[in-house]
Amino acid sequence: IPFFGEAFLTIAYSEEIASLNGIFMLITFGATFGLAGTALGYPVTAARYFTVQPLICLMQATVTIAGCTLLVPKYAMYGAAVSIAVSNILFLVCFTGVWILAWRKMKCG
């Protein structure tokens, strides 16, 4: 998106949408962390750490709601994109922590 995003968005949609290229980049940045966190959810599930998962998801939802409540009125779509990015980063950090804990508690070889 940083190199040809505006051109692609102009061709695929319109110039009005292409002007939102920065927002799309921020959403993509945040989604990367969310997808990585989701990928870590599988080994956490395999390690049978079930009870912590809803708490992490609840925390992610709370951070998203709080971020949107604070940032959207002032920064509009950028505020929403930042809120989602921050909550996804926190989501990844939490699942990484649980995964490390599970890895350390495993009895290997």
C-alpha atoms as a PDB file:
ATOM      1  CA  ILE A   1       0.000   0.000   0.000  1.00  0.00           C
ATOM      2  CA  PRO A   2       2.756   2.558   0.696  1.00  0.00           C
ATOM      3  CA  PHE A   3       4.118   2.304  -2.852  1.00  0.00           C
ATOM      4  CA  PHE A   4       1.088   1.897  -5.072  1.00  0.00           C
ATOM      5  CA  GLY A   5      -1.839   2.007  -2.651  1.00  0.00           C
ATOM      6  CA  GLU A   6      -3.318   5.290  -3.801  1.00  0.00           C
ATOM      7  CA  ALA A   7      -3.107   4.277  -7.450  1.00  0.00           C
ATOM      8  CA  PHE A   8      -4.735   0.927  -6.722  1.00  0.00           C
ATOM      9  CA  LEU A   9      -7.471   2.486  -4.594  1.00  0.00           C
ATOM     10  CA  THR A  10      -8.162   5.092  -7.287  1.00  0.00           C
ATOM     11  CA  ILE A  11      -8.493   2.431  -9.982  1.00  0.00           C
ATOM     12  CA  ALA A  12     -10.488   0.000  -7.826  1.00  0.00           C
ATOM     13  CA  TYR A  13     -12.713   2.549  -6.089  1.00  0.00           C
ATOM     14  CA  SER A  14     -12.361   6.316  -6.443  1.00  0.00           C
ATOM     15  CA  GLU A  15     -10.114   9.262  -5.650  1.00  0.00           C
ATOM     16  CA  GLU A  16     -12.114   9.899  -2.483  1.00  0.00           C
ATOM     17  CA  ILE A  17     -11.279   6.430  -1.180  1.00  0.00           C
ATOM     18  CA  ALA A  18      -7.670   6.764  -2.364  1.00  0.00           C
ATOM     19  CA  SER A  19      -7.261   9.802  -0.141  1.00  0.00           C
ATOM     20  CA  LEU A  20      -7.789   7.468   2.833  1.00  0.00           C
ATOM     21  CA  ASN A  21      -4.636   5.474   2.032  1.00  0.00           C
ATOM     22  CA  GLY A  22      -3.060   6.386   5.391  1.00  0.00           C
ATOM     23  CA  ILE A  23      -6.018   4.951   7.279  1.00  0.00           C
ATOM     24  CA  PHE A  24      -5.846   1.729   5.277  1.00  0.00           C
ATOM     25  CA  MET A  25      -2.133   1.441   6.080  1.00  0.00           C
ATOM     26  CA  LEU A  26      -2.824   1.920   9.786  1.00  0.00           C
ATOM     27  CA  ILE A  27      -5.588  -0.686   9.714  1.00  0.00           C
ATOM     28  CA  THR A  28      -3.255  -3.114   7.944  1.00  0.00           C
ATOM     29  CA  PHE A  29      -0.539  -2.433  10.522  1.00  0.00           C
ATOM     30  CA  GLY A  30      -2.947  -3.156  13.376  1.00  0.00           C
ATOM     31  CA  ALA A  31      -4.417  -6.214  11.680  1.00  0.00           C
ATOM     32  CA  THR A  32      -0.949  -7.738  11.415  1.00  0.00           C
ATOM     33  CA  PHE A  33      -0.681  -7.820  15.203  1.00  0.00           C
ATOM     34  CA  GLY A  34      -4.207  -9.180  15.539  1.00  0.00           C
ATOM     35  CA  LEU A  35      -3.498 -12.012  13.113  1.00  0.00           C
ATOM     36  CA  ALA A  36      -0.253 -12.880  14.895  1.00  0.00           C
ATOM     37  CA  GLY A  37      -2.112 -12.922  18.215  1.00  0.00           C
ATOM     38  CA  THR A  38      -4.770 -15.172  16.745  1.00  0.00           C
ATOM     39  CA  ALA A  39      -2.067 -17.531  15.471  1.00  0.00           C
ATOM     40  CA  LEU A  40      -0.652 -17.743  19.014  1.00  0.00           C
ATOM     41  CA  GLY A  41      -4.122 -18.587  20.268  1.00  0.00           C
ATOM     42  CA  TYR A  42      -3.855 -22.067  18.736  1.00  0.00           C
ATOM     43  CA  PRO A  43      -0.842 -23.242  20.752  1.00  0.00           C
ATOM     44  CA  VAL A  44      -2.375 -21.645  23.849  1.00  0.00           C
ATOM     45  CA  THR A  45      -5.511 -23.709  23.219  1.00  0.00           C
ATOM     46  CA  ALA A  46      -3.413 -26.819  22.589  1.00  0.00           C
ATOM     47  CA  ALA A  47      -1.701 -26.208  25.945  1.00  0.00           C
ATOM     48  CA  ARG A  48      -5.210 -26.187  27.475  1.00  0.00           C
ATOM     49  CA  TYR A  49      -5.094 -22.633  28.804  1.00  0.00           C
ATOM     50  CA  PHE A  50      -8.800 -22.069  28.252  1.00  0.00           C
ATOM     51  CA  THR A  51      -9.758 -19.773  31.101  1.00  0.00           C
ATOM     52  CA  VAL A  52      -7.380 -16.958  30.196  1.00  0.00           C
ATOM     53  CA  GLN A  53      -8.568 -16.656  26.595  1.00  0.00           C
ATOM     54  CA  PRO A  54     -11.951 -15.019  27.260  1.00  0.00           C
ATOM     55  CA  LEU A  55     -10.238 -12.599  29.625  1.00  0.00           C
ATOM     56  CA  ILE A  56      -7.766 -11.578  26.931  1.00  0.00           C
ATOM     57  CA  CYS A  57     -10.593 -11.099  24.424  1.00  0.00           C
ATOM     58  CA  LEU A  58     -12.610  -9.096  26.948  1.00  0.00           C
ATOM     59  CA  MET A  59      -9.578  -6.917  27.613  1.00  0.00           C
ATOM     60  CA  GLN A  60      -9.100  -6.392  23.882  1.00  0.00           C
ATOM     61  CA  ALA A  61     -12.734  -5.376  23.461  1.00  0.00           C
ATOM     62  CA  THR A  62     -12.514  -3.025  26.448  1.00  0.00           C
ATOM     63  CA  VAL A  63      -9.378  -1.342  25.102  1.00  0.00           C
ATOM     64  CA  THR A  64     -10.989  -0.976  21.675  1.00  0.00           C
ATOM     65  CA  ILE A  65     -14.152   0.567  23.121  1.00  0.00           C
ATOM     66  CA  ALA A  66     -12.213   2.892  25.416  1.00  0.00           C
ATOM     67  CA  GLY A  67      -9.862   3.927  22.615  1.00  0.00           C
ATOM     68  CA  CYS A  68     -12.712   4.613  20.223  1.00  0.00           C
ATOM     69  CA  THR A  69     -14.607   6.538  22.881  1.00  0.00           C
ATOM     70  CA  LEU A  70     -11.589   8.757  23.511  1.00  0.00           C
ATOM     71  CA  LEU A  71     -10.109   9.064  20.022  1.00  0.00           C
ATOM     72  CA  VAL A  72     -12.956   8.924  17.500  1.00  0.00           C
ATOM     73  CA  PRO A  73     -14.615  12.218  18.484  1.00  0.00           C
ATOM     74  CA  LYS A  74     -11.368  14.117  17.905  1.00  0.00           C
ATOM     75  CA  TYR A  75      -9.574  12.093  15.198  1.00  0.00           C
ATOM     76  CA  ALA A  76     -12.491  10.347  13.428  1.00  0.00           C
ATOM     77  CA  MET A  77     -11.391   7.332  11.358  1.00  0.00           C
ATOM     78  CA  TYR A  78      -7.738   7.721  12.352  1.00  0.00           C
ATOM     79  CA  GLY A  79      -8.802   7.425  15.989  1.00  0.00           C
ATOM     80  CA  ALA A  80     -10.682   4.209  15.266  1.00  0.00           C
ATOM     81  CA  ALA A  81      -7.723   2.769  13.360  1.00  0.00           C
ATOM     82  CA  VAL A  82      -5.323   3.650  16.193  1.00  0.00           C
ATOM     83  CA  SER A  83      -7.690   2.109  18.750  1.00  0.00           C
ATOM     84  CA  ILE A  84      -7.830  -1.130  16.818  1.00  0.00           C
ATOM     85  CA  ALA A  85      -4.062  -1.186  16.326  1.00  0.00           C
ATOM     86  CA  VAL A  86      -3.386  -0.613  20.028  1.00  0.00           C
ATOM     87  CA  SER A  87      -5.872  -3.267  21.132  1.00  0.00           C
ATOM     88  CA  ASN A  88      -4.408  -5.769  18.654  1.00  0.00           C
ATOM     89  CA  ILE A  89      -0.873  -5.070  19.898  1.00  0.00           C
ATOM     90  CA  LEU A  90      -2.047  -5.671  23.460  1.00  0.00           C
ATOM     91  CA  PHE A  91      -3.831  -8.835  22.289  1.00  0.00           C
ATOM     92  CA  LEU A  92      -0.576 -10.129  20.787  1.00  0.00           C
ATOM     93  CA  VAL A  93       1.428  -9.229  23.890  1.00  0.00           C
ATOM     94  CA  CYS A  94      -1.024 -11.080  26.143  1.00  0.00           C
ATOM     95  CA  PHE A  95      -1.121 -14.221  24.018  1.00  0.00           C
ATOM     96  CA  THR A  96       2.663 -14.140  23.709  1.00  0.00           C
ATOM     97  CA  GLY A  97       2.932 -13.997  27.498  1.00  0.00           C
ATOM     98  CA  VAL A  98       0.547 -16.915  27.972  1.00  0.00           C
ATOM     99  CA  TRP A  99       2.352 -18.888  25.266  1.00  0.00           C
ATOM    100  CA  ILE A 100       5.728 -18.304  26.956  1.00  0.00           C
ATOM    101  CA  LEU A 101       4.249 -19.362  30.295  1.00  0.00           C
ATOM    102  CA  ALA A 102       2.806 -22.514  28.726  1.00  0.00           C
ATOM    103  CA  TRP A 103       6.092 -23.274  26.964  1.00  0.00           C
ATOM    104  CA  ARG A 104       8.056 -22.982  30.214  1.00  0.00           C
ATOM    105  CA  LYS A 105       5.643 -25.241  32.100  1.00  0.00           C
ATOM    106  CA  MET A 106       5.827 -27.981  29.467  1.00  0.00           C
ATOM    107  CA  LYS A 107       7.949 -30.975  30.338  1.00  0.00           C
ATOM    108  CA  CYS A 108      10.003 -31.556  27.234  1.00  0.00           C
ATOM    109  CA  GLY A 109      12.282 -34.573  26.845  1.00  0.00           C
END
